[in-house]
Amino acid sequence: MTINNRVLFLGVFLACFGLLGFGLVLQHVIHLEPCPLCILQRIVFIVICATALTAAIHNPKHSGWTVYSGLLTFLSLLGGGIAAWQVYLQHLPPGQAPECGPGLDYMLEAMPLAKILPMIFKGSGECAEVTWTFLDMSIAEWALGWFVLFALVGLVAAFRRSASQK
């Protein structure tokens, strides 16, 4: 029995939905405020979630799956890059982590977007802090693992579809 792409994308949607829900629990129940890099990762998870749901509902023919698979892979690599950068920051020696900067809310109100994005991607001290772990892995490490898994699902869906078209 093989799993079709529609089921794969529905699984990605459900996983993302669960991850986003868990992130909201961490934020609103356990009171862990997300850092700027966490917020960017959350945005990527939201876009992956929406893309996967759209693909599962649309259930396109032939080249449509290639488009959705490519989009899933691209978004997952983007989110994985952000998560990998945060993991790098978290593993820097204590004196080498960047200093804490202004909060994202303040930056969005006071600065143009062209100045905000480089500051966010540089990271800050709050991005280097590990405030919660599960099985000795930080939130950023877990996010990186999920992004890698979603990228693999995108690649499997793309290559399986393209192989079946030959």
N, C-alpha and C. Protein backbone atom coordinates (compact mmCIF):
# COMPACT_ATOMS: atom_id res chain seq x y z
N MET A 1 0.84 -1.18 0.00
CA MET A 1 0.00 0.00 0.00
C MET A 1 0.89 1.25 0.00
N THR A 2 0.69 2.13 -0.94
CA THR A 2 1.47 3.37 -1.01
C THR A 2 0.60 4.54 -0.55
N ILE A 3 1.26 5.51 0.03
CA ILE A 3 0.57 6.72 0.49
C ILE A 3 0.66 7.74 -0.62
N ASN A 4 -0.48 8.29 -1.03
CA ASN A 4 -0.44 9.27 -2.11
C ASN A 4 -0.05 10.65 -1.57
N ASN A 5 0.24 11.55 -2.49
CA ASN A 5 0.71 12.89 -2.11
C ASN A 5 -0.32 13.65 -1.30
N ARG A 6 -1.58 13.43 -1.57
CA ARG A 6 -2.63 14.13 -0.83
C ARG A 6 -2.55 13.79 0.66
N VAL A 7 -2.33 12.53 0.98
CA VAL A 7 -2.21 12.10 2.37
C VAL A 7 -0.92 12.65 2.99
N LEU A 8 0.17 12.66 2.23
CA LEU A 8 1.42 13.23 2.73
C LEU A 8 1.25 14.70 3.11
N PHE A 9 0.60 15.47 2.24
CA PHE A 9 0.42 16.90 2.51
C PHE A 9 -0.58 17.13 3.64
N LEU A 10 -1.57 16.26 3.76
CA LEU A 10 -2.49 16.36 4.89
C LEU A 10 -1.73 16.09 6.19
N GLY A 11 -0.81 15.13 6.17
CA GLY A 11 0.03 14.87 7.34
C GLY A 11 0.90 16.05 7.71
N VAL A 12 1.47 16.71 6.70
CA VAL A 12 2.28 17.91 6.95
C VAL A 12 1.41 19.00 7.57
N PHE A 13 0.20 19.17 7.03
CA PHE A 13 -0.71 20.17 7.59
C PHE A 13 -1.01 19.87 9.06
N LEU A 14 -1.35 18.63 9.37
CA LEU A 14 -1.69 18.26 10.74
C LEU A 14 -0.50 18.44 11.68
N ALA A 15 0.69 18.07 11.22
CA ALA A 15 1.89 18.24 12.04
C ALA A 15 2.15 19.73 12.29
N CYS A 16 2.06 20.55 11.25
CA CYS A 16 2.28 22.00 11.41
C CYS A 16 1.24 22.60 12.34
N PHE A 17 0.00 22.20 12.16
CA PHE A 17 -1.09 22.72 13.00
C PHE A 17 -0.80 22.38 14.47
N GLY A 18 -0.36 21.15 14.72
CA GLY A 18 -0.01 20.74 16.08
C GLY A 18 1.18 21.52 16.62
N LEU A 19 2.20 21.72 15.79
CA LEU A 19 3.38 22.48 16.22
C LEU A 19 3.01 23.93 16.55
N LEU A 20 2.19 24.54 15.71
CA LEU A 20 1.76 25.91 15.97
C LEU A 20 0.94 25.99 17.25
N GLY A 21 0.07 25.01 17.45
CA GLY A 21 -0.72 24.97 18.69
C GLY A 21 0.17 24.82 19.91
N PHE A 22 1.18 23.96 19.81
CA PHE A 22 2.10 23.77 20.93
C PHE A 22 2.89 25.05 21.19
N GLY A 23 3.27 25.75 20.13
CA GLY A 23 3.96 27.03 20.29
C GLY A 23 3.10 28.03 21.03
N LEU A 24 1.80 28.04 20.73
CA LEU A 24 0.89 28.95 21.44
C LEU A 24 0.74 28.56 22.90
N VAL A 25 0.74 27.26 23.19
CA VAL A 25 0.70 26.80 24.58
C VAL A 25 1.95 27.26 25.31
N LEU A 26 3.13 27.09 24.69
CA LEU A 26 4.36 27.55 25.32
C LEU A 26 4.32 29.05 25.58
N GLN A 27 3.75 29.81 24.64
CA GLN A 27 3.72 31.26 24.79
C GLN A 27 2.68 31.72 25.81
N HIS A 28 1.46 31.19 25.73
CA HIS A 28 0.36 31.74 26.53
C HIS A 28 0.08 30.99 27.82
N VAL A 29 0.50 29.74 27.92
CA VAL A 29 0.26 28.97 29.14
C VAL A 29 1.53 28.91 29.99
N ILE A 30 2.66 28.59 29.35
CA ILE A 30 3.93 28.49 30.08
C ILE A 30 4.64 29.84 30.13
N HIS A 31 4.16 30.81 29.37
CA HIS A 31 4.65 32.19 29.36
C HIS A 31 6.09 32.31 28.86
N LEU A 32 6.42 31.60 27.80
CA LEU A 32 7.71 31.75 27.12
C LEU A 32 7.49 32.68 25.93
N GLU A 33 8.07 33.85 25.98
CA GLU A 33 7.92 34.80 24.89
C GLU A 33 8.86 34.42 23.74
N PRO A 34 8.34 34.36 22.51
CA PRO A 34 9.21 34.00 21.37
C PRO A 34 10.15 35.15 21.01
N CYS A 35 11.37 34.77 20.65
CA CYS A 35 12.35 35.75 20.19
C CYS A 35 12.08 36.08 18.71
N PRO A 36 12.75 37.06 18.15
CA PRO A 36 12.50 37.39 16.73
C PRO A 36 12.72 36.22 15.76
N LEU A 37 13.77 35.41 15.98
CA LEU A 37 13.99 34.26 15.10
C LEU A 37 12.89 33.22 15.27
N CYS A 38 12.38 33.06 16.49
CA CYS A 38 11.27 32.13 16.73
C CYS A 38 10.02 32.59 15.99
N ILE A 39 9.80 33.90 15.99
CA ILE A 39 8.63 34.44 15.30
C ILE A 39 8.75 34.19 13.79
N LEU A 40 9.95 34.38 13.23
CA LEU A 40 10.14 34.10 11.80
C LEU A 40 9.89 32.61 11.50
N GLN A 41 10.37 31.73 12.37
CA GLN A 41 10.13 30.30 12.17
C GLN A 41 8.64 29.99 12.26
N ARG A 42 7.95 30.64 13.18
CA ARG A 42 6.51 30.44 13.32
C ARG A 42 5.78 30.87 12.05
N ILE A 43 6.21 31.99 11.46
CA ILE A 43 5.60 32.47 10.22
C ILE A 43 5.80 31.44 9.10
N VAL A 44 7.00 30.88 9.01
CA VAL A 44 7.27 29.86 7.98
C VAL A 44 6.40 28.63 8.22
N PHE A 45 6.24 28.21 9.48
CA PHE A 45 5.35 27.08 9.78
C PHE A 45 3.91 27.39 9.35
N ILE A 46 3.46 28.63 9.56
CA ILE A 46 2.10 29.00 9.15
C ILE A 46 1.96 28.90 7.64
N VAL A 47 2.96 29.37 6.89
CA VAL A 47 2.89 29.32 5.43
C VAL A 47 2.96 27.87 4.95
N ILE A 48 3.80 27.04 5.58
CA ILE A 48 3.85 25.62 5.22
C ILE A 48 2.50 24.97 5.51
N CYS A 49 1.92 25.29 6.65
CA CYS A 49 0.62 24.74 7.04
C CYS A 49 -0.45 25.08 5.99
N ALA A 50 -0.48 26.35 5.59
CA ALA A 50 -1.46 26.79 4.59
C ALA A 50 -1.21 26.14 3.24
N THR A 51 0.05 26.03 2.85
CA THR A 51 0.40 25.40 1.58
C THR A 51 0.00 23.93 1.56
N ALA A 52 0.30 23.23 2.64
CA ALA A 52 -0.03 21.81 2.72
C ALA A 52 -1.53 21.58 2.69
N LEU A 53 -2.28 22.40 3.42
CA LEU A 53 -3.74 22.27 3.41
C LEU A 53 -4.31 22.56 2.03
N THR A 54 -3.79 23.61 1.39
CA THR A 54 -4.25 23.95 0.04
C THR A 54 -3.97 22.81 -0.93
N ALA A 55 -2.78 22.23 -0.84
CA ALA A 55 -2.42 21.11 -1.73
C ALA A 55 -3.32 19.91 -1.48
N ALA A 56 -3.59 19.60 -0.22
CA ALA A 56 -4.43 18.44 0.11
C ALA A 56 -5.86 18.65 -0.38
N ILE A 57 -6.38 19.85 -0.23
CA ILE A 57 -7.75 20.13 -0.69
C ILE A 57 -7.80 20.19 -2.22
N HIS A 58 -6.82 20.85 -2.83
CA HIS A 58 -6.79 21.03 -4.28
C HIS A 58 -6.62 19.70 -5.01
N ASN A 59 -5.72 18.86 -4.48
CA ASN A 59 -5.42 17.55 -5.09
C ASN A 59 -5.20 17.68 -6.60
N PRO A 60 -4.16 18.44 -6.99
CA PRO A 60 -3.96 18.72 -8.41
C PRO A 60 -3.52 17.49 -9.19
N LYS A 61 -3.52 17.63 -10.47
CA LYS A 61 -3.01 16.57 -11.35
C LYS A 61 -1.58 16.89 -11.74
N HIS A 62 -0.84 15.90 -12.03
CA HIS A 62 0.52 15.93 -12.60
C HIS A 62 1.41 17.07 -12.09
N SER A 63 1.58 18.12 -12.91
CA SER A 63 2.57 19.15 -12.59
C SER A 63 2.17 20.00 -11.38
N GLY A 64 0.91 20.00 -11.01
CA GLY A 64 0.49 20.74 -9.82
C GLY A 64 1.17 20.22 -8.57
N TRP A 65 1.33 18.90 -8.48
CA TRP A 65 2.02 18.33 -7.32
C TRP A 65 3.49 18.75 -7.31
N THR A 66 4.07 18.88 -8.48
CA THR A 66 5.47 19.32 -8.54
C THR A 66 5.60 20.73 -7.99
N VAL A 67 4.64 21.60 -8.30
CA VAL A 67 4.66 22.97 -7.80
C VAL A 67 4.51 22.98 -6.28
N TYR A 68 3.52 22.26 -5.78
CA TYR A 68 3.31 22.22 -4.33
C TYR A 68 4.51 21.59 -3.61
N SER A 69 5.07 20.55 -4.19
CA SER A 69 6.23 19.88 -3.58
C SER A 69 7.44 20.81 -3.56
N GLY A 70 7.64 21.53 -4.65
CA GLY A 70 8.75 22.49 -4.70
C GLY A 70 8.57 23.60 -3.70
N LEU A 71 7.34 24.08 -3.57
CA LEU A 71 7.05 25.14 -2.60
C LEU A 71 7.27 24.64 -1.18
N LEU A 72 6.81 23.44 -0.88
CA LEU A 72 7.01 22.86 0.45
C LEU A 72 8.51 22.71 0.74
N THR A 73 9.26 22.22 -0.22
CA THR A 73 10.69 22.03 -0.03
C THR A 73 11.39 23.38 0.18
N PHE A 74 11.07 24.37 -0.64
CA PHE A 74 11.67 25.70 -0.51
C PHE A 74 11.37 26.32 0.84
N LEU A 75 10.11 26.30 1.24
CA LEU A 75 9.73 26.89 2.53
C LEU A 75 10.40 26.17 3.69
N SER A 76 10.49 24.85 3.59
CA SER A 76 11.12 24.07 4.65
C SER A 76 12.61 24.38 4.75
N LEU A 77 13.27 24.55 3.61
CA LEU A 77 14.69 24.92 3.63
C LEU A 77 14.88 26.32 4.19
N LEU A 78 13.97 27.22 3.86
CA LEU A 78 14.03 28.59 4.41
C LEU A 78 13.89 28.54 5.94
N GLY A 79 12.86 27.86 6.42
CA GLY A 79 12.66 27.74 7.86
C GLY A 79 13.80 27.00 8.53
N GLY A 80 14.32 25.97 7.85
CA GLY A 80 15.45 25.23 8.39
C GLY A 80 16.69 26.09 8.51
N GLY A 81 16.90 26.98 7.55
CA GLY A 81 18.03 27.90 7.62
C GLY A 81 17.92 28.84 8.81
N ILE A 82 16.72 29.35 9.05
CA ILE A 82 16.50 30.23 10.19
C ILE A 82 16.73 29.47 11.50
N ALA A 83 16.17 28.26 11.57
CA ALA A 83 16.33 27.45 12.78
C ALA A 83 17.79 27.06 12.99
N ALA A 84 18.50 26.72 11.91
CA ALA A 84 19.91 26.36 12.03
C ALA A 84 20.74 27.53 12.55
N TRP A 85 20.42 28.74 12.09
CA TRP A 85 21.12 29.92 12.57
C TRP A 85 20.88 30.11 14.07
N GLN A 86 19.64 29.89 14.51
CA GLN A 86 19.34 30.03 15.93
C GLN A 86 20.05 28.94 16.75
N VAL A 87 20.10 27.72 16.23
CA VAL A 87 20.83 26.65 16.92
C VAL A 87 22.30 27.02 17.03
N TYR A 88 22.86 27.59 15.97
CA TYR A 88 24.26 28.05 16.01
C TYR A 88 24.44 29.09 17.12
N LEU A 89 23.54 30.07 17.18
CA LEU A 89 23.63 31.10 18.21
C LEU A 89 23.53 30.50 19.61
N GLN A 90 22.69 29.49 19.76
CA GLN A 90 22.50 28.86 21.06
C GLN A 90 23.72 28.06 21.51
N HIS A 91 24.54 27.64 20.56
CA HIS A 91 25.72 26.85 20.91
C HIS A 91 27.02 27.66 20.96
N LEU A 92 26.90 28.97 20.81
CA LEU A 92 28.08 29.82 20.96
C LEU A 92 28.51 29.85 22.42
N PRO A 93 29.81 30.00 22.68
CA PRO A 93 30.25 30.16 24.07
C PRO A 93 29.59 31.39 24.69
N PRO A 94 29.36 31.38 26.00
CA PRO A 94 28.59 32.46 26.65
C PRO A 94 29.03 33.88 26.30
N GLY A 95 30.29 34.17 26.21
CA GLY A 95 30.73 35.54 25.93
C GLY A 95 30.59 35.96 24.48
N GLN A 96 30.37 35.00 23.58
CA GLN A 96 30.32 35.32 22.15
C GLN A 96 28.91 35.52 21.62
N ALA A 97 27.91 35.23 22.40
CA ALA A 97 26.52 35.42 21.95
C ALA A 97 26.26 36.92 21.80
N PRO A 98 25.47 37.31 20.78
CA PRO A 98 25.18 38.73 20.61
C PRO A 98 24.40 39.28 21.79
N GLU A 99 24.51 40.60 21.98
CA GLU A 99 23.77 41.24 23.07
C GLU A 99 22.30 41.34 22.72
N CYS A 100 21.48 41.43 23.76
CA CYS A 100 20.04 41.60 23.54
C CYS A 100 19.78 42.98 22.95
N GLY A 101 18.91 43.02 21.98
CA GLY A 101 18.56 44.28 21.33
C GLY A 101 17.14 44.67 21.68
N PRO A 102 16.60 45.66 20.97
CA PRO A 102 15.22 46.05 21.23
C PRO A 102 14.26 44.94 20.79
N GLY A 103 13.08 44.92 21.39
CA GLY A 103 12.08 43.92 21.05
C GLY A 103 11.56 44.10 19.63
N LEU A 104 11.00 43.03 19.07
CA LEU A 104 10.48 43.07 17.71
C LEU A 104 9.36 44.10 17.58
N ASP A 105 8.49 44.20 18.59
CA ASP A 105 7.40 45.18 18.54
C ASP A 105 7.94 46.60 18.38
N TYR A 106 8.95 46.94 19.16
CA TYR A 106 9.53 48.27 19.08
C TYR A 106 10.17 48.50 17.72
N MET A 107 10.92 47.49 17.24
CA MET A 107 11.59 47.65 15.95
C MET A 107 10.57 47.88 14.83
N LEU A 108 9.46 47.14 14.86
CA LEU A 108 8.45 47.29 13.81
C LEU A 108 7.80 48.68 13.84
N GLU A 109 7.68 49.25 15.03
CA GLU A 109 7.08 50.57 15.16
C GLU A 109 8.05 51.70 14.81
N ALA A 110 9.32 51.52 15.15
CA ALA A 110 10.26 52.63 15.08
C ALA A 110 11.20 52.63 13.89
N MET A 111 11.33 51.49 13.19
CA MET A 111 12.34 51.41 12.14
C MET A 111 11.72 50.92 10.83
N PRO A 112 12.38 51.27 9.72
CA PRO A 112 11.92 50.74 8.43
C PRO A 112 12.29 49.25 8.31
N LEU A 113 11.52 48.53 7.51
CA LEU A 113 11.72 47.09 7.35
C LEU A 113 13.12 46.76 6.85
N ALA A 114 13.69 47.62 6.02
CA ALA A 114 15.04 47.37 5.49
C ALA A 114 16.10 47.33 6.60
N LYS A 115 15.87 48.00 7.70
CA LYS A 115 16.81 47.95 8.83
C LYS A 115 16.47 46.81 9.79
N ILE A 116 15.20 46.44 9.85
CA ILE A 116 14.77 45.42 10.81
C ILE A 116 15.26 44.04 10.42
N LEU A 117 15.11 43.67 9.15
CA LEU A 117 15.46 42.31 8.73
C LEU A 117 16.91 41.94 9.01
N PRO A 118 17.89 42.80 8.67
CA PRO A 118 19.28 42.43 9.02
C PRO A 118 19.48 42.27 10.53
N MET A 119 18.81 43.09 11.32
CA MET A 119 18.94 42.99 12.78
C MET A 119 18.35 41.67 13.29
N ILE A 120 17.21 41.28 12.72
CA ILE A 120 16.57 40.03 13.14
C ILE A 120 17.46 38.85 12.80
N PHE A 121 17.97 38.83 11.56
CA PHE A 121 18.78 37.68 11.13
C PHE A 121 20.14 37.63 11.82
N LYS A 122 20.62 38.77 12.29
CA LYS A 122 21.85 38.77 13.07
C LYS A 122 21.62 38.01 14.37
N GLY A 123 20.40 38.09 14.87
CA GLY A 123 20.07 37.44 16.13
C GLY A 123 20.40 38.35 17.29
N SER A 124 19.89 37.99 18.44
CA SER A 124 20.17 38.77 19.64
C SER A 124 20.38 37.81 20.79
N GLY A 125 20.69 38.37 21.94
CA GLY A 125 20.93 37.55 23.11
C GLY A 125 19.74 36.67 23.46
N GLU A 126 18.54 37.21 23.26
CA GLU A 126 17.36 36.41 23.57
C GLU A 126 17.20 35.24 22.61
N CYS A 127 17.71 35.36 21.39
CA CYS A 127 17.68 34.25 20.44
C CYS A 127 18.67 33.15 20.82
N ALA A 128 19.71 33.53 21.56
CA ALA A 128 20.73 32.57 21.96
C ALA A 128 20.37 31.84 23.25
N GLU A 129 19.37 32.34 23.97
CA GLU A 129 18.96 31.70 25.22
C GLU A 129 18.16 30.43 24.93
N VAL A 130 18.42 29.41 25.72
CA VAL A 130 17.63 28.19 25.65
C VAL A 130 16.72 28.21 26.87
N THR A 131 15.43 28.49 26.65
CA THR A 131 14.50 28.64 27.76
C THR A 131 13.66 27.39 28.02
N TRP A 132 13.67 26.44 27.09
CA TRP A 132 12.86 25.24 27.24
C TRP A 132 13.51 24.13 26.45
N THR A 133 13.55 22.93 27.00
CA THR A 133 14.08 21.78 26.28
C THR A 133 13.16 20.59 26.47
N PHE A 134 13.22 19.68 25.52
CA PHE A 134 12.54 18.40 25.61
C PHE A 134 13.51 17.37 25.04
N LEU A 135 13.79 16.34 25.79
CA LEU A 135 14.79 15.34 25.41
C LEU A 135 16.13 15.98 25.08
N ASP A 136 16.50 16.97 25.88
CA ASP A 136 17.77 17.69 25.74
C ASP A 136 17.90 18.47 24.44
N MET A 137 16.80 18.78 23.79
CA MET A 137 16.83 19.58 22.56
C MET A 137 16.00 20.84 22.77
N SER A 138 16.54 21.97 22.28
CA SER A 138 15.85 23.26 22.40
C SER A 138 14.71 23.33 21.38
N ILE A 139 13.91 24.35 21.51
CA ILE A 139 12.81 24.57 20.56
C ILE A 139 13.36 24.74 19.15
N ALA A 140 14.45 25.49 19.02
CA ALA A 140 15.05 25.71 17.70
C ALA A 140 15.55 24.39 17.10
N GLU A 141 16.11 23.51 17.93
CA GLU A 141 16.58 22.22 17.42
C GLU A 141 15.41 21.34 16.98
N TRP A 142 14.33 21.37 17.74
CA TRP A 142 13.14 20.63 17.33
C TRP A 142 12.57 21.21 16.02
N ALA A 143 12.52 22.53 15.93
CA ALA A 143 12.01 23.17 14.71
C ALA A 143 12.88 22.78 13.52
N LEU A 144 14.19 22.77 13.69
CA LEU A 144 15.09 22.37 12.61
C LEU A 144 14.78 20.94 12.15
N GLY A 145 14.56 20.05 13.09
CA GLY A 145 14.21 18.67 12.75
C GLY A 145 12.92 18.58 11.95
N TRP A 146 11.92 19.34 12.36
CA TRP A 146 10.64 19.33 11.63
C TRP A 146 10.80 19.93 10.24
N PHE A 147 11.57 21.00 10.12
CA PHE A 147 11.80 21.60 8.79
C PHE A 147 12.51 20.61 7.87
N VAL A 148 13.49 19.88 8.39
CA VAL A 148 14.18 18.86 7.58
C VAL A 148 13.19 17.78 7.15
N LEU A 149 12.36 17.32 8.07
CA LEU A 149 11.36 16.30 7.74
C LEU A 149 10.41 16.80 6.65
N PHE A 150 9.93 18.03 6.78
CA PHE A 150 9.02 18.57 5.77
C PHE A 150 9.70 18.73 4.41
N ALA A 151 10.98 19.11 4.41
CA ALA A 151 11.73 19.21 3.15
C ALA A 151 11.84 17.83 2.50
N LEU A 152 12.10 16.81 3.30
CA LEU A 152 12.17 15.44 2.76
C LEU A 152 10.83 15.00 2.19
N VAL A 153 9.74 15.33 2.86
CA VAL A 153 8.41 15.00 2.34
C VAL A 153 8.19 15.70 1.00
N GLY A 154 8.58 16.97 0.91
CA GLY A 154 8.46 17.70 -0.35
C GLY A 154 9.25 17.05 -1.47
N LEU A 155 10.47 16.62 -1.16
CA LEU A 155 11.31 15.98 -2.17
C LEU A 155 10.74 14.62 -2.58
N VAL A 156 10.28 13.85 -1.61
CA VAL A 156 9.68 12.55 -1.93
C VAL A 156 8.47 12.73 -2.81
N ALA A 157 7.60 13.68 -2.46
CA ALA A 157 6.40 13.92 -3.26
C ALA A 157 6.75 14.38 -4.67
N ALA A 158 7.76 15.23 -4.81
CA ALA A 158 8.15 15.73 -6.14
C ALA A 158 8.73 14.63 -6.99
N PHE A 159 9.65 13.85 -6.43
CA PHE A 159 10.31 12.82 -7.24
C PHE A 159 9.39 11.65 -7.52
N ARG A 160 8.50 11.33 -6.60
CA ARG A 160 7.57 10.24 -6.85
C ARG A 160 6.60 10.64 -7.97
N ARG A 161 6.17 11.89 -7.95
CA ARG A 161 5.24 12.36 -8.98
C ARG A 161 5.94 12.41 -10.32
N SER A 162 7.17 12.93 -10.37
CA SER A 162 7.87 13.05 -11.64
C SER A 162 8.25 11.68 -12.18
N ALA A 163 8.55 10.74 -11.31
CA ALA A 163 8.88 9.37 -11.77
C ALA A 163 7.64 8.67 -12.34
N SER A 164 6.47 8.98 -11.78
CA SER A 164 5.26 8.31 -12.28
C SER A 164 4.78 8.92 -13.60
N GLN A 165 5.29 10.11 -13.97
CA GLN A 165 4.88 10.75 -15.22
C GLN A 165 5.68 10.22 -16.41
N LYS A 166 6.78 9.51 -16.17
CA LYS A 166 7.62 9.04 -17.28
C LYS A 166 6.99 7.87 -17.98
